[in-house]
Amino acid sequence: MENIMKETLQPGITYEHTFVVPASKTVPRLYPESEEFLAMPEVFATGFLVGLLEWSCIRAVNTHLDWPAEQTVGTHVDISHEAATPPGFEVRASVELIEVDGRRLVFSVEAHDGVDTIARGLHERFVIDRERFDARLAEKWGCGR
């Protein structure tokens, strides 16, 4: 991969993203095939919360990449989910890039629903060359079928 990440991709980049939780992002909707999930409370699902934090990290760094030729993919999640959030609440995700090690990016992440801090932790992403990534994925398709 050609090193085309911009020099501005440095620790200290921050981003805030707000999102109103719809019913479609609650636990019963996470895996509607699962009778266990269907029986659970209708609150913001951890899986969707992680996705919101990832989305925020992506938005934080996209202007510092050659987007869309360069993108980031999630490689590690270490996040607590500390409080339940019902649909209709606005969640504010706050992220900060705290480490850049080659193509590995580490973010400090936090989310608040206007009443409680609902999540905090670390998220790691890796800068990829989309064309090379797709080529490797195509090879995997060929091996796995």
Foldseek 3Di string as FASTA:
>chain_A
DDPQQAPPPDFFQKFKDKDFAALCQFQCNPDVVDPVSVPDDSWRDPVVVVVVLVVRVQVSRVVRGPPPQKGKDWDDDDKAFADTHHGGFMKMKMKTFHDDDPQKTKIWIWIDRVPGTGMTDMTIIGIDRVVVVVVVVVVVVVVPD
